PDB file of N, CA and C in Angstrom:
ATOM      1  N   MET A   1       0.850  -1.173   0.000  1.00  0.00           N
ATOM      2  CA  MET A   1       0.000   0.000   0.000  1.00  0.00           C
ATOM      3  C   MET A   1       0.895   1.235   0.000  1.00  0.00           C
ATOM      4  N   SER A   2       0.615   2.163  -0.887  1.00  0.00           N
ATOM      5  CA  SER A   2       1.465   3.336  -0.990  1.00  0.00           C
ATOM      6  C   SER A   2       0.915   4.493  -0.162  1.00  0.00           C
ATOM      7  N   ALA A   3       1.752   5.493   0.001  1.00  0.00           N
ATOM      8  CA  ALA A   3       1.372   6.652   0.798  1.00  0.00           C
ATOM      9  C   ALA A   3       0.287   7.474   0.111  1.00  0.00           C
ATOM     10  N   SER A   4       0.200   7.367  -1.217  1.00  0.00           N
ATOM     11  CA  SER A   4      -0.812   8.156  -1.921  1.00  0.00           C
ATOM     12  C   SER A   4      -2.229   7.720  -1.536  1.00  0.00           C
ATOM     13  N   ILE A   5      -2.408   6.450  -1.213  1.00  0.00           N
ATOM     14  CA  ILE A   5      -3.718   5.978  -0.764  1.00  0.00           C
ATOM     15  C   ILE A   5      -4.069   6.602   0.584  1.00  0.00           C
ATOM     16  N   VAL A   6      -3.083   6.743   1.450  1.00  0.00           N
ATOM     17  CA  VAL A   6      -3.311   7.359   2.758  1.00  0.00           C
ATOM     18  C   VAL A   6      -3.668   8.830   2.588  1.00  0.00           C
ATOM     19  N   TYR A   7      -2.957   9.537   1.693  1.00  0.00           N
ATOM     20  CA  TYR A   7      -3.272  10.943   1.438  1.00  0.00           C
ATOM     21  C   TYR A   7      -4.671  11.096   0.858  1.00  0.00           C
ATOM     22  N   PHE A   8      -5.030  10.217  -0.061  1.00  0.00           N
ATOM     23  CA  PHE A   8      -6.369  10.271  -0.652  1.00  0.00           C
ATOM     24  C   PHE A   8      -7.441  10.018   0.396  1.00  0.00           C
ATOM     25  N   SER A   9      -7.236   9.043   1.253  1.00  0.00           N
ATOM     26  CA  SER A   9      -8.243   8.753   2.280  1.00  0.00           C
ATOM     27  C   SER A   9      -8.353   9.886   3.288  1.00  0.00           C
ATOM     28  N   ALA A  10      -7.244  10.542   3.611  1.00  0.00           N
ATOM     29  CA  ALA A  10      -7.295  11.688   4.529  1.00  0.00           C
ATOM     30  C   ALA A  10      -8.053  12.848   3.889  1.00  0.00           C
ATOM     31  N   ALA A  11      -7.807  13.106   2.617  1.00  0.00           N
ATOM     32  CA  ALA A  11      -8.540  14.167   1.918  1.00  0.00           C
ATOM     33  C   ALA A  11     -10.023  13.832   1.830  1.00  0.00           C
ATOM     34  N   PHE A  12     -10.328  12.574   1.614  1.00  0.00           N
ATOM     35  CA  PHE A  12     -11.712  12.106   1.549  1.00  0.00           C
ATOM     36  C   PHE A  12     -12.409  12.329   2.890  1.00  0.00           C
ATOM     37  N   MET A  13     -11.721  12.028   3.989  1.00  0.00           N
ATOM     38  CA  MET A  13     -12.294  12.232   5.318  1.00  0.00           C
ATOM     39  C   MET A  13     -12.577  13.699   5.592  1.00  0.00           C
ATOM     40  N   ILE A  14     -11.627  14.571   5.247  1.00  0.00           N
ATOM     41  CA  ILE A  14     -11.814  15.997   5.489  1.00  0.00           C
ATOM     42  C   ILE A  14     -12.937  16.546   4.626  1.00  0.00           C
ATOM     43  N   ALA A  15     -13.009  16.118   3.368  1.00  0.00           N
ATOM     44  CA  ALA A  15     -14.047  16.613   2.466  1.00  0.00           C
ATOM     45  C   ALA A  15     -15.434  16.210   2.943  1.00  0.00           C
ATOM     46  N   PHE A  16     -15.602  14.958   3.328  1.00  0.00           N
ATOM     47  CA  PHE A  16     -16.919  14.525   3.777  1.00  0.00           C
ATOM     48  C   PHE A  16     -17.284  15.087   5.148  1.00  0.00           C
ATOM     49  N   ALA A  17     -16.286  15.372   5.974  1.00  0.00           N
ATOM     50  CA  ALA A  17     -16.577  16.039   7.248  1.00  0.00           C
ATOM     51  C   ALA A  17     -17.106  17.446   7.001  1.00  0.00           C
ATOM     52  N   ALA A  18     -16.483  18.157   6.055  1.00  0.00           N
ATOM     53  CA  ALA A  18     -16.959  19.507   5.728  1.00  0.00           C
ATOM     54  C   ALA A  18     -18.343  19.461   5.087  1.00  0.00           C
ATOM     55  N   LEU A  19     -18.559  18.510   4.206  1.00  0.00           N
ATOM     56  CA  LEU A  19     -19.861  18.383   3.548  1.00  0.00           C
ATOM     57  C   LEU A  19     -20.956  18.041   4.562  1.00  0.00           C
ATOM     58  N   GLY A  20     -20.680  17.111   5.444  1.00  0.00           N
ATOM     59  CA  GLY A  20     -21.656  16.726   6.458  1.00  0.00           C
ATOM     60  C   GLY A  20     -21.968  17.851   7.426  1.00  0.00           C
ATOM     61  N   THR A  21     -20.957  18.637   7.786  1.00  0.00           N
ATOM     62  CA  THR A  21     -21.183  19.764   8.674  1.00  0.00           C
ATOM     63  C   THR A  21     -22.038  20.827   8.001  1.00  0.00           C
ATOM     64  N   GLY A  22     -21.776  21.083   6.734  1.00  0.00           N
ATOM     65  CA  GLY A  22     -22.577  22.063   6.004  1.00  0.00           C
ATOM     66  C   GLY A  22     -24.032  21.650   5.907  1.00  0.00           C
ATOM     67  N   ILE A  23     -24.264  20.392   5.604  1.00  0.00           N
ATOM     68  CA  ILE A  23     -25.638  19.881   5.533  1.00  0.00           C
ATOM     69  C   ILE A  23     -26.299  19.927   6.907  1.00  0.00           C
ATOM     70  N   GLY A  24     -25.556  19.550   7.936  1.00  0.00           N
ATOM     71  CA  GLY A  24     -26.099  19.570   9.297  1.00  0.00           C
ATOM     72  C   GLY A  24     -26.481  20.969   9.750  1.00  0.00           C
ATOM     73  N   PHE A  25     -25.623  21.960   9.454  1.00  0.00           N
ATOM     74  CA  PHE A  25     -25.949  23.334   9.829  1.00  0.00           C
ATOM     75  C   PHE A  25     -27.142  23.858   9.043  1.00  0.00           C
ATOM     76  N   ALA A  26     -27.259  23.463   7.789  1.00  0.00           N
ATOM     77  CA  ALA A  26     -28.415  23.897   6.992  1.00  0.00           C
ATOM     78  C   ALA A  26     -29.714  23.344   7.568  1.00  0.00           C
ATOM     79  N   ILE A  27     -29.717  22.081   7.922  1.00  0.00           N
ATOM     80  CA  ILE A  27     -30.919  21.470   8.510  1.00  0.00           C
ATOM     81  C   ILE A  27     -31.220  22.096   9.872  1.00  0.00           C
ATOM     82  N   LEU A  28     -30.173  22.286  10.677  1.00  0.00           N
ATOM     83  CA  LEU A  28     -30.350  22.867  12.003  1.00  0.00           C
ATOM     84  C   LEU A  28     -30.911  24.285  11.934  1.00  0.00           C
ATOM     85  N   GLY A  29     -30.362  25.104  11.047  1.00  0.00           N
ATOM     86  CA  GLY A  29     -30.860  26.466  10.903  1.00  0.00           C
ATOM     87  C   GLY A  29     -32.276  26.513  10.361  1.00  0.00           C
ATOM     88  N   GLY A  30     -32.587  25.625   9.427  1.00  0.00           N
ATOM     89  CA  GLY A  30     -33.940  25.578   8.890  1.00  0.00           C
ATOM     90  C   GLY A  30     -34.959  25.179   9.935  1.00  0.00           C
ATOM     91  N   LYS A  31     -34.616  24.206  10.751  1.00  0.00           N
ATOM     92  CA  LYS A  31     -35.542  23.779  11.806  1.00  0.00           C
ATOM     93  C   LYS A  31     -35.695  24.858  12.879  1.00  0.00           C
ATOM     94  N   LEU A  32     -34.611  25.614  13.154  1.00  0.00           N
ATOM     95  CA  LEU A  32     -34.726  26.715  14.110  1.00  0.00           C
ATOM     96  C   LEU A  32     -35.701  27.774  13.592  1.00  0.00           C
ATOM     97  N   LEU A  33     -35.545  28.153  12.338  1.00  0.00           N
ATOM     98  CA  LEU A  33     -36.446  29.156  11.772  1.00  0.00           C
ATOM     99  C   LEU A  33     -37.884  28.650  11.721  1.00  0.00           C
ATOM    100  N   GLU A  34     -38.046  27.387  11.396  1.00  0.00           N
ATOM    101  CA  GLU A  34     -39.389  26.801  11.349  1.00  0.00           C
ATOM    102  C   GLU A  34     -40.031  26.799  12.739  1.00  0.00           C
ATOM    103  N   GLY A  35     -39.270  26.401  13.745  1.00  0.00           N
ATOM    104  CA  GLY A  35     -39.799  26.367  15.104  1.00  0.00           C
ATOM    105  C   GLY A  35     -40.097  27.759  15.642  1.00  0.00           C
ATOM    106  N   ALA A  36     -39.219  28.729  15.333  1.00  0.00           N
ATOM    107  CA  ALA A  36     -39.445  30.092  15.799  1.00  0.00           C
ATOM    108  C   ALA A  36     -40.626  30.730  15.082  1.00  0.00           C
ATOM    109  N   ALA A  37     -40.872  30.341  13.838  1.00  0.00           N
ATOM    110  CA  ALA A  37     -42.021  30.884  13.118  1.00  0.00           C
ATOM    111  C   ALA A  37     -43.332  30.313  13.661  1.00  0.00           C
ATOM    112  N   ARG A  38     -43.295  29.053  14.102  1.00  0.00           N
ATOM    113  CA  ARG A  38     -44.517  28.434  14.636  1.00  0.00           C
ATOM    114  C   ARG A  38     -44.848  28.957  16.030  1.00  0.00           C
ATOM    115  N   GLN A  39     -43.827  29.108  16.863  1.00  0.00           N
ATOM    116  CA  GLN A  39     -44.027  29.581  18.235  1.00  0.00           C
ATOM    117  C   GLN A  39     -42.989  30.655  18.551  1.00  0.00           C
ATOM    118  N   PRO A  40     -43.283  31.895  18.241  1.00  0.00           N
ATOM    119  CA  PRO A  40     -42.290  32.966  18.451  1.00  0.00           C
ATOM    120  C   PRO A  40     -41.865  33.145  19.911  1.00  0.00           C
ATOM    121  N   GLU A  41     -42.731  32.809  20.842  1.00  0.00           N
ATOM    122  CA  GLU A  41     -42.359  32.970  22.254  1.00  0.00           C
ATOM    123  C   GLU A  41     -41.297  31.966  22.687  1.00  0.00           C
ATOM    124  N   GLN A  42     -41.117  30.902  21.939  1.00  0.00           N
ATOM    125  CA  GLN A  42     -40.091  29.897  22.248  1.00  0.00           C
ATOM    126  C   GLN A  42     -38.756  30.196  21.567  1.00  0.00           C
ATOM    127  N   GLY A  43     -38.661  31.317  20.866  1.00  0.00           N
ATOM    128  CA  GLY A  43     -37.453  31.658  20.109  1.00  0.00           C
ATOM    129  C   GLY A  43     -36.165  31.638  20.912  1.00  0.00           C
ATOM    130  N   PRO A  44     -36.111  32.312  22.074  1.00  0.00           N
ATOM    131  CA  PRO A  44     -34.858  32.297  22.839  1.00  0.00           C
ATOM    132  C   PRO A  44     -34.448  30.902  23.334  1.00  0.00           C
ATOM    133  N   GLN A  45     -35.421  30.098  23.740  1.00  0.00           N
ATOM    134  CA  GLN A  45     -35.101  28.731  24.169  1.00  0.00           C
ATOM    135  C   GLN A  45     -34.588  27.911  22.994  1.00  0.00           C
ATOM    136  N   LEU A  46     -35.234  28.049  21.852  1.00  0.00           N
ATOM    137  CA  LEU A  46     -34.793  27.310  20.677  1.00  0.00           C
ATOM    138  C   LEU A  46     -33.400  27.737  20.242  1.00  0.00           C
ATOM    139  N   GLN A  47     -33.118  29.031  20.350  1.00  0.00           N
ATOM    140  CA  GLN A  47     -31.818  29.525  19.935  1.00  0.00           C
ATOM    141  C   GLN A  47     -30.703  28.993  20.838  1.00  0.00           C
ATOM    142  N   SER A  48     -30.952  28.939  22.147  1.00  0.00           N
ATOM    143  CA  SER A  48     -29.922  28.414  23.045  1.00  0.00           C
ATOM    144  C   SER A  48     -29.668  26.939  22.786  1.00  0.00           C
ATOM    145  N   LYS A  49     -30.729  26.190  22.511  1.00  0.00           N
ATOM    146  CA  LYS A  49     -30.553  24.773  22.196  1.00  0.00           C
ATOM    147  C   LYS A  49     -29.861  24.593  20.844  1.00  0.00           C
ATOM    148  N   MET A  50     -30.119  25.516  19.915  1.00  0.00           N
ATOM    149  CA  MET A  50     -29.472  25.442  18.618  1.00  0.00           C
ATOM    150  C   MET A  50     -27.966  25.662  18.751  1.00  0.00           C
ATOM    151  N   PHE A  51     -27.563  26.605  19.619  1.00  0.00           N
ATOM    152  CA  PHE A  51     -26.138  26.838  19.820  1.00  0.00           C
ATOM    153  C   PHE A  51     -25.457  25.631  20.464  1.00  0.00           C
ATOM    154  N   LEU A  52     -26.137  24.968  21.363  1.00  0.00           N
ATOM    155  CA  LEU A  52     -25.593  23.748  21.958  1.00  0.00           C
ATOM    156  C   LEU A  52     -25.408  22.670  20.900  1.00  0.00           C
ATOM    157  N   MET A  53     -26.413  22.493  20.066  1.00  0.00           N
ATOM    158  CA  MET A  53     -26.319  21.486  19.011  1.00  0.00           C
ATOM    159  C   MET A  53     -25.266  21.857  17.965  1.00  0.00           C
ATOM    160  N   ALA A  54     -25.091  23.160  17.706  1.00  0.00           N
ATOM    161  CA  ALA A  54     -24.065  23.594  16.760  1.00  0.00           C
ATOM    162  C   ALA A  54     -22.671  23.252  17.284  1.00  0.00           C
ATOM    163  N   GLY A  55     -22.469  23.387  18.579  1.00  0.00           N
ATOM    164  CA  GLY A  55     -21.188  22.997  19.166  1.00  0.00           C
ATOM    165  C   GLY A  55     -20.929  21.512  19.045  1.00  0.00           C
ATOM    166  N   LEU A  56     -21.950  20.724  19.275  1.00  0.00           N
ATOM    167  CA  LEU A  56     -21.795  19.277  19.119  1.00  0.00           C
ATOM    168  C   LEU A  56     -21.607  18.896  17.657  1.00  0.00           C
ATOM    169  N   LEU A  57     -22.265  19.606  16.781  1.00  0.00           N
ATOM    170  CA  LEU A  57     -22.142  19.335  15.354  1.00  0.00           C
ATOM    171  C   LEU A  57     -20.743  19.680  14.853  1.00  0.00           C
ATOM    172  N   ASP A  58     -20.115  20.680  15.429  1.00  0.00           N
ATOM    173  CA  ASP A  58     -18.750  21.036  15.051  1.00  0.00           C
ATOM    174  C   ASP A  58     -17.718  20.057  15.603  1.00  0.00           C
ATOM    175  N   ALA A  59     -18.029  19.366  16.672  1.00  0.00           N
ATOM    176  CA  ALA A  59     -17.055  18.472  17.300  1.00  0.00           C
ATOM    177  C   ALA A  59     -16.763  17.249  16.436  1.00  0.00           C
ATOM    178  N   VAL A  60     -17.750  16.735  15.745  1.00  0.00           N
ATOM    179  CA  VAL A  60     -17.564  15.504  14.965  1.00  0.00           C
ATOM    180  C   VAL A  60     -16.576  15.700  13.818  1.00  0.00           C
ATOM    181  N   PRO A  61     -16.692  16.761  12.995  1.00  0.00           N
ATOM    182  CA  PRO A  61     -15.681  16.919  11.940  1.00  0.00           C
ATOM    183  C   PRO A  61     -14.297  17.253  12.473  1.00  0.00           C
ATOM    184  N   MET A  62     -14.230  17.882  13.649  1.00  0.00           N
ATOM    185  CA  MET A  62     -12.916  18.148  14.234  1.00  0.00           C
ATOM    186  C   MET A  62     -12.194  16.838  14.547  1.00  0.00           C
ATOM    187  N   ILE A  63     -12.932  15.863  15.015  1.00  0.00           N
ATOM    188  CA  ILE A  63     -12.344  14.550  15.279  1.00  0.00           C
ATOM    189  C   ILE A  63     -11.876  13.916  13.978  1.00  0.00           C
ATOM    190  N   GLY A  64     -12.690  14.037  12.919  1.00  0.00           N
ATOM    191  CA  GLY A  64     -12.305  13.513  11.611  1.00  0.00           C
ATOM    192  C   GLY A  64     -11.057  14.183  11.063  1.00  0.00           C
ATOM    193  N   VAL A  65     -10.952  15.485  11.237  1.00  0.00           N
ATOM    194  CA  VAL A  65      -9.762  16.208  10.778  1.00  0.00           C
ATOM    195  C   VAL A  65      -8.548  15.778  11.589  1.00  0.00           C
ATOM    196  N   GLY A  66      -8.729  15.547  12.879  1.00  0.00           N
ATOM    197  CA  GLY A  66      -7.617  15.064  13.706  1.00  0.00           C
ATOM    198  C   GLY A  66      -7.120  13.706  13.263  1.00  0.00           C
ATOM    199  N   ILE A  67      -8.030  12.813  12.935  1.00  0.00           N
ATOM    200  CA  ILE A  67      -7.637  11.486  12.446  1.00  0.00           C
ATOM    201  C   ILE A  67      -6.951  11.603  11.091  1.00  0.00           C
ATOM    202  N   ALA A  68      -7.464  12.485  10.228  1.00  0.00           N
ATOM    203  CA  ALA A  68      -6.841  12.685   8.921  1.00  0.00           C
ATOM    204  C   ALA A  68      -5.428  13.248   9.064  1.00  0.00           C
ATOM    205  N   MET A  69      -5.244  14.184   9.979  1.00  0.00           N
ATOM    206  CA  MET A  69      -3.898  14.726  10.206  1.00  0.00           C
ATOM    207  C   MET A  69      -2.955  13.660  10.754  1.00  0.00           C
ATOM    208  N   PHE A  70      -3.482  12.786  11.594  1.00  0.00           N
ATOM    209  CA  PHE A  70      -2.679  11.663  12.075  1.00  0.00           C
ATOM    210  C   PHE A  70      -2.236  10.793  10.904  1.00  0.00           C
ATOM    211  N   LEU A  71      -3.151  10.517   9.991  1.00  0.00           N
ATOM    212  CA  LEU A  71      -2.796   9.710   8.826  1.00  0.00           C
ATOM    213  C   LEU A  71      -1.733  10.398   7.976  1.00  0.00           C
ATOM    214  N   ILE A  72      -1.896  11.706   7.764  1.00  0.00           N
ATOM    215  CA  ILE A  72      -0.971  12.430   6.892  1.00  0.00           C
ATOM    216  C   ILE A  72       0.425  12.524   7.497  1.00  0.00           C
ATOM    217  N   PHE A  73       0.507  12.879   8.773  1.00  0.00           N
ATOM    218  CA  PHE A  73       1.807  13.194   9.361  1.00  0.00           C
ATOM    219  C   PHE A  73       2.486  12.047  10.101  1.00  0.00           C
ATOM    220  N   VAL A  74       1.718  10.996  10.449  1.00  0.00           N
ATOM    221  CA  VAL A  74       2.327   9.896  11.193  1.00  0.00           C
ATOM    222  C   VAL A  74       2.362   8.620  10.368  1.00  0.00           C
ATOM    223  N   VAL A  75       1.257   8.267   9.762  1.00  0.00           N
ATOM    224  CA  VAL A  75       1.177   6.981   9.059  1.00  0.00           C
ATOM    225  C   VAL A  75       1.870   7.039   7.716  1.00  0.00           C
ATOM    226  N   ALA A  76       1.575   8.070   6.903  1.00  0.00           N
ATOM    227  CA  ALA A  76       2.099   8.129   5.539  1.00  0.00           C
ATOM    228  C   ALA A  76       3.622   8.229   5.466  1.00  0.00           C
ATOM    229  N   PRO A  77       4.283   9.066   6.282  1.00  0.00           N
ATOM    230  CA  PRO A  77       5.754   9.104   6.174  1.00  0.00           C
ATOM    231  C   PRO A  77       6.441   7.807   6.569  1.00  0.00           C
ATOM    232  N   GLY A  78       5.797   7.004   7.388  1.00  0.00           N
ATOM    233  CA  GLY A  78       6.405   5.741   7.808  1.00  0.00           C
ATOM    234  C   GLY A  78       6.209   4.598   6.842  1.00  0.00           C
ATOM    235  N   MET A  79       5.460   4.835   5.769  1.00  0.00           N
ATOM    236  CA  MET A  79       5.192   3.770   4.795  1.00  0.00           C
ATOM    237  C   MET A  79       6.359   3.635   3.830  1.00  0.00           C
ATOM    238  N   VAL A  80       6.630   2.419   3.427  1.00  0.00           N
ATOM    239  CA  VAL A  80       7.692   2.157   2.462  1.00  0.00           C
ATOM    240  C   VAL A  80       7.102   2.288   1.071  1.00  0.00           C
ATOM    241  N   ALA A  81       7.770   3.043   0.219  1.00  0.00           N
ATOM    242  CA  ALA A  81       7.259   3.271  -1.137  1.00  0.00           C
ATOM    243  C   ALA A  81       7.427   2.077  -2.031  1.00  0.00           C
TER     244      ALA A  81
END
């Protein structure tokens, strides 16, 4: 197995983490607006819960980027060409 496969898989992980985060934020923001439009008095509660979920949503791709960086800087240089 060559190092180029490791680089490709790391790029694949980062790309899909970014794509998944973008989709997740779009759904989260849409549901916040929908909920606030249905019950405007619940807006501040919904917004605080949305910020909590946004933090959790950001944590998952950060883990993926960390694993990808591990692959790039630790695994790939140690591979024999």
